[in-house]
Protein backbone atom coordinates (compact mmCIF):
# COMPACT_ATOMS: atom_id res chain seq x y z
CA MET A 1 -7.89 -6.47 -4.58
CA PHE A 2 -7.77 -6.41 -0.78
CA PHE A 3 -5.73 -4.36 1.67
CA LEU A 4 -3.85 -5.37 4.83
CA GLY A 5 -5.70 -3.80 7.94
CA GLU A 6 -8.77 -1.68 7.78
CA LEU A 7 -9.60 0.84 5.12
CA PRO A 8 -11.12 4.19 5.52
CA GLU A 9 -14.94 3.99 5.14
CA PRO A 10 -15.05 6.27 2.01
CA VAL A 11 -12.52 3.98 0.29
CA LEU A 12 -14.41 0.78 0.44
CA PRO A 13 -17.30 1.60 -2.18
CA LEU A 14 -14.47 2.74 -4.54
CA LEU A 15 -12.79 -0.53 -4.05
CA ASP A 16 -15.77 -2.50 -4.74
CA ARG A 17 -16.47 -0.37 -7.99
CA LEU A 18 -12.74 -1.07 -9.07
CA GLN A 19 -13.13 -4.73 -8.78
CA THR A 20 -16.45 -4.67 -10.54
CA LEU A 21 -15.18 -2.57 -13.41
CA SER A 22 -12.07 -4.83 -13.99
CA VAL A 23 -14.27 -7.93 -14.36
CA LYS A 24 -16.67 -6.01 -16.80
CA LEU A 25 -13.66 -4.65 -18.87
CA MET A 26 -12.45 -8.04 -19.53
CA ALA A 27 -15.78 -9.99 -19.77
CA ASP A 28 -15.50 -10.45 -23.49
CA PHE A 29 -11.79 -10.78 -24.06
CA ASN A 30 -10.85 -13.58 -26.30
CA GLY A 31 -7.44 -12.22 -27.90
CA PRO A 32 -4.11 -13.96 -27.73
CA SER A 33 -2.58 -14.35 -24.26
CA ASP A 34 -0.13 -16.60 -22.40
CA LEU A 35 -0.45 -18.31 -19.02
CA LEU A 36 2.37 -17.68 -16.35
CA THR A 37 2.46 -20.09 -13.19
CA LEU A 38 4.47 -18.69 -10.27
CA ASN A 39 5.65 -20.56 -7.30
CA ALA A 40 4.98 -19.50 -3.66
CA ASP A 41 7.17 -16.47 -2.88
CA SER A 42 8.35 -15.73 -6.39
CA TYR A 43 8.19 -12.21 -7.99
CA ALA A 44 5.79 -11.74 -10.73
CA TYR A 45 7.83 -8.93 -12.59
CA GLY A 46 11.10 -10.98 -12.65
CA GLN A 47 9.13 -13.47 -14.80
CA MET A 48 7.03 -11.27 -16.91
CA PRO A 49 7.64 -9.71 -20.23
CA ASP A 50 8.01 -5.81 -19.95
CA ASP A 51 5.31 -5.18 -22.37
CA CYS A 52 2.68 -7.25 -20.89
CA ILE A 53 -0.11 -6.79 -18.16
CA GLY A 54 -1.27 -9.44 -16.12
CA ARG A 55 -4.71 -10.85 -14.88
CA ILE A 56 -4.87 -13.06 -11.91
CA LYS A 57 -6.50 -16.34 -12.71
CA GLU A 58 -5.67 -18.24 -9.78
CA GLY A 59 -3.90 -17.41 -6.37
CA VAL A 60 -2.97 -14.00 -4.89
CA LEU A 61 -0.22 -11.53 -5.63
CA CYS A 62 0.98 -9.24 -2.63
CA ALA A 63 2.46 -5.75 -3.42
CA SER A 64 4.96 -4.27 -1.49
CA THR A 65 6.96 -1.10 -1.41
CA GLU A 66 10.23 -0.77 0.85
CA GLY A 67 9.91 -4.32 1.90
CA GLU A 68 6.53 -3.85 3.56
CA ASP A 69 3.22 -5.63 2.09
CA ILE A 70 0.54 -3.13 1.47
CA PHE A 71 -2.22 -4.76 -0.46
CA CYS A 72 -3.10 -7.93 -2.48
CA TYR A 73 -4.34 -8.76 -6.06
CA GLU A 74 -6.79 -11.59 -6.16
CA ASN A 75 -8.66 -13.46 -8.73
CA GLY A 76 -9.80 -11.24 -11.80
CA ASP A 77 -7.88 -8.31 -10.72
CA LEU A 78 -5.74 -6.53 -13.51
CA PHE A 79 -2.15 -5.38 -12.59
CA GLY A 80 0.87 -4.24 -14.29
CA ILE A 81 -0.81 -1.22 -16.12
CA GLN A 82 1.66 1.29 -14.61
CA ARG A 83 4.70 -0.82 -15.27
CA ILE A 84 3.85 -1.13 -19.25
CA PHE A 85 3.87 2.68 -19.42
CA ASP A 86 7.00 3.01 -17.37
CA LEU A 87 5.50 4.40 -14.29
CA PRO A 88 6.54 3.62 -10.70
CA HIS A 89 4.99 0.28 -9.38
CA CYS A 90 5.14 -1.97 -6.51
CA GLU A 91 6.93 -5.42 -6.35
CA LEU A 92 4.51 -8.23 -6.56
CA ARG A 93 5.09 -11.55 -4.66
CA ALA A 94 3.06 -14.64 -5.01
CA GLN A 95 1.58 -15.73 -1.70
CA ASP A 96 0.97 -19.19 -3.08
CA ASP A 97 1.19 -21.00 -6.31
CA THR A 98 -0.42 -18.38 -8.58
CA VAL A 99 -1.55 -18.48 -12.39
CA ILE A 100 -1.33 -15.22 -14.37
CA GLU A 101 -2.72 -14.51 -17.69
CA LEU A 102 -0.38 -12.36 -19.70
CA ILE A 103 -1.78 -9.85 -22.32
CA GLN A 104 0.50 -8.09 -24.62
CA ARG A 105 0.27 -4.30 -24.34
CA ASP A 106 -0.77 -3.85 -28.18
CA VAL A 107 -3.37 -6.49 -27.77
CA PHE A 108 -4.82 -5.04 -24.72
CA THR A 109 -4.99 -1.23 -26.18
CA GLN A 110 -6.63 -2.83 -29.40
CA TYR A 111 -9.23 -4.60 -27.36
CA LEU A 112 -10.19 -1.37 -25.45
CA TYR A 113 -10.40 0.86 -28.33
CA THR A 114 -12.27 -1.14 -30.97
CA ASP A 115 -15.52 -1.00 -28.88
CA ALA A 116 -17.21 2.08 -27.54
CA VAL A 117 -18.49 0.30 -24.42
CA ARG A 118 -15.15 -0.93 -23.55
CA GLN A 119 -13.69 2.62 -24.03
CA HIS A 120 -16.32 3.89 -21.71
CA ARG A 121 -15.55 1.13 -19.00
CA TRP A 122 -11.71 1.75 -19.42
CA SER A 123 -12.39 5.56 -18.76
CA HIS A 124 -14.59 4.84 -15.78
CA TYR A 125 -11.89 2.45 -14.50
CA LEU A 126 -9.19 5.08 -14.76
CA LEU A 127 -11.42 7.50 -12.87
CA ALA A 128 -12.35 5.05 -10.15
CA ALA A 129 -8.56 4.31 -9.63
CA GLN A 130 -7.73 7.81 -9.51
CA SER A 131 -10.39 8.67 -6.76
CA PHE A 132 -9.51 5.57 -4.91
CA TYR A 133 -5.87 6.48 -4.66
CA GLN A 134 -6.84 10.01 -3.86
CA GLN A 135 -8.72 8.87 -0.89
CA LEU A 136 -5.94 6.82 0.33
CA LEU A 137 -3.48 9.58 0.12
CA SER A 138 -6.08 11.68 2.23
CA ASN A 139 -5.45 9.17 4.88
CA VAL A 140 -1.75 8.69 4.71
CA GLN A 141 -0.60 10.62 7.63
CA VAL A 142 -2.63 8.13 9.94
CA ARG A 143 -1.32 5.18 8.00
CA HIS A 144 2.36 6.36 7.92
CA GLN A 145 2.16 5.97 11.64
CA LEU A 146 1.69 2.20 11.37
CA ARG A 147 4.01 -0.51 10.28
CA THR A 148 1.94 -2.77 8.03
CA PRO A 149 1.71 -6.33 9.44
CA THR A 150 3.47 -8.81 6.97
CA GLY A 151 3.25 -12.05 8.67
CA PHE A 152 1.33 -14.06 6.30
CA GLU A 153 1.08 -17.97 7.15
CA HIS A 154 -0.51 -20.71 5.16
CA LEU A 155 -1.90 -23.61 7.28
CA ILE A 156 -3.32 -27.01 6.38
CA ASP A 157 -6.08 -28.97 8.55
CA GLY A 158 -4.64 -29.85 11.82
CA ASP A 159 -1.90 -27.25 12.09
CA VAL A 160 -1.84 -25.70 15.48
CA ILE A 161 -2.08 -21.88 15.53
CA VAL A 162 -1.61 -21.14 19.21
CA LYS A 163 -1.22 -23.58 22.03
CA GLU A 164 -2.75 -23.46 25.33
CA GLY A 165 -0.08 -22.30 28.14
CA GLU A 166 2.34 -20.82 25.87
CA LEU A 167 3.66 -17.12 25.81
CA ALA A 168 1.78 -14.58 23.81
CA ASP A 169 3.28 -11.81 21.66
CA THR A 170 1.24 -12.14 18.56
CA VAL A 171 -2.35 -11.32 17.52
CA PHE A 172 -3.77 -13.20 14.70
CA GLN A 173 -6.39 -12.51 11.73
CA LEU A 174 -7.70 -15.33 10.00
CA MET A 175 -7.88 -13.98 6.26
CA SER A 176 -9.42 -17.35 4.89
CA GLY A 177 -10.71 -20.60 6.27
CA SER A 178 -11.69 -21.67 10.05
CA ALA A 179 -10.26 -23.10 13.05
CA ASN A 180 -11.26 -24.78 16.12
CA VAL A 181 -10.92 -23.39 19.85
CA ASP A 182 -10.05 -26.15 22.53
CA VAL A 183 -9.51 -25.84 26.24
CA GLY A 184 -8.07 -28.69 28.06
CA GLY A 185 -8.77 -30.85 25.08
CA THR A 186 -12.46 -29.94 24.73
CA GLN A 187 -13.74 -27.77 21.90
CA VAL A 188 -15.16 -24.60 23.16
CA GLY A 189 -15.48 -22.59 20.09
CA GLU A 190 -14.34 -21.59 16.69
CA VAL A 191 -12.55 -19.06 14.77
CA LEU A 192 -14.10 -17.89 11.37
CA GLU A 193 -12.87 -16.11 8.44
CA GLY A 194 -12.12 -12.44 9.04
CA GLU A 195 -11.93 -12.81 12.79
CA ILE A 196 -9.23 -11.45 15.11
CA PHE A 197 -8.19 -13.65 17.95
CA GLY A 198 -5.37 -14.14 20.42
CA ALA A 199 -5.37 -10.64 21.72
CA MET A 200 -6.71 -11.08 25.29
CA ALA A 201 -3.47 -12.78 26.41
CA VAL A 202 -1.42 -10.21 24.55
CA PHE A 203 -3.22 -7.27 26.41
CA THR A 204 -3.28 -9.06 29.83
CA GLY A 205 0.40 -10.53 29.65
CA GLU A 206 -0.90 -13.87 30.70
CA ARG A 207 -0.09 -17.19 28.91
CA ARG A 208 -2.49 -18.53 26.06
CA ASN A 209 -5.97 -19.77 27.65
CA ALA A 210 -7.01 -21.99 24.69
CA THR A 211 -5.62 -23.92 21.80
CA VAL A 212 -6.45 -22.98 18.30
CA THR A 213 -6.04 -25.47 15.38
CA ALA A 214 -6.83 -25.35 11.69
CA ARG A 215 -9.76 -27.42 10.56
CA GLU A 216 -9.06 -26.73 6.85
CA ASP A 217 -6.50 -25.01 4.67
CA CYS A 218 -6.11 -21.39 6.19
CA THR A 219 -4.45 -18.12 5.40
CA LEU A 220 -3.42 -16.33 8.65
CA LEU A 221 -2.03 -12.71 9.27
CA ALA A 222 0.17 -12.74 12.43
CA ILE A 223 0.47 -9.14 13.90
CA PRO A 224 3.28 -8.59 16.62
CA GLN A 225 2.06 -7.20 19.65
CA ASP A 226 3.61 -3.57 19.38
CA GLN A 227 2.20 -3.29 15.84
CA PHE A 228 -1.50 -4.42 16.91
CA ILE A 229 -1.49 -1.70 19.46
CA ASP A 230 -0.43 0.88 17.20
CA LEU A 231 -3.15 -0.31 14.96
CA ILE A 232 -5.80 -0.13 17.58
CA ARG A 233 -4.75 3.53 18.54
CA ALA A 234 -4.72 4.72 14.88
CA GLN A 235 -7.79 2.67 13.66
CA PRO A 236 -10.45 2.34 16.42
CA ASP A 237 -12.60 0.32 13.95
CA THR A 238 -10.25 -2.64 14.60
CA ALA A 239 -10.90 -2.49 18.14
CA MET A 240 -14.69 -2.72 17.35
CA THR A 241 -14.20 -5.67 15.19
CA LEU A 242 -12.20 -7.20 18.23
CA LEU A 243 -15.05 -6.57 20.37
CA ASP A 244 -17.50 -8.09 18.18
CA ASN A 245 -15.42 -11.25 17.83
CA MET A 246 -15.01 -11.47 21.68
CA SER A 247 -18.65 -10.84 22.12
CA ARG A 248 -19.61 -13.80 19.73
CA ARG A 249 -17.30 -16.26 21.59
CA ILE A 250 -18.64 -15.43 25.23
CA LYS A 251 -22.15 -15.85 23.87
CA ALA A 252 -21.28 -19.27 22.43
CA LEU A 253 -19.55 -20.23 25.84
CA ASN A 254 -22.68 -19.12 27.63
CA GLN A 255 -24.75 -21.25 25.59
CA GLN A 256 -22.58 -24.28 26.38
CA VAL A 257 -22.83 -23.58 30.02
CA ILE A 258 -26.64 -23.42 29.49
CA ASP A 259 -26.86 -26.56 27.60
CA LYS A 260 -24.84 -28.67 30.02
CA GLN A 261 -27.01 -27.37 32.80
CA SER A 262 -30.31 -28.41 31.18
């Protein structure tokens, strides 16, 4: 599971624990199940039986509420537990072609409660989930001030993300993959997974000073200018990430200048 944007520091260990417990909980499951393949942008719950939970085998499901994407389930994550017990739940939309293992509720509960170790892990999972959401709720006032970015884009090798000289009104974060940075047709750097780029032109109001091109399949989060400014104000850690990215690129450019002079 991963959330869009920065998470509060106390939440990160709980998120890691939830993911670890999810894997351990289902490690020796070999009961009956079915596979469901979703196409990109299709909704999971519209195609799943009401009495089944799901486990991601391949792909990503994005959870949204009131039309805004909040977080994503990824490989190995369990979902749909609230739904099978008629509790409130988010809509789930496939980001790409996604494969889900469907496990019927009675099969799942029998698997849990016929083994003491699994019962312990299940209890631990529920407690960790409760703590996780309590920590998130403690930060809800700050997060309520932000409009969560929802501009996911999927790119292939050779796709141009930004073009030198064009107007800038969007900041980007590379969620997966990598890209080349070129100025005047000459490669001057790269963008790696997790990095934020395109912010300088947004801040200065100038046109893009470089072209960024995907060099493999990439997932990109596009953040409109006003949303990014709100994000910086509410979450200074995002600014630190941006400064770290810029520092790395400046260092790489300096090294290129040194290499050409030597």
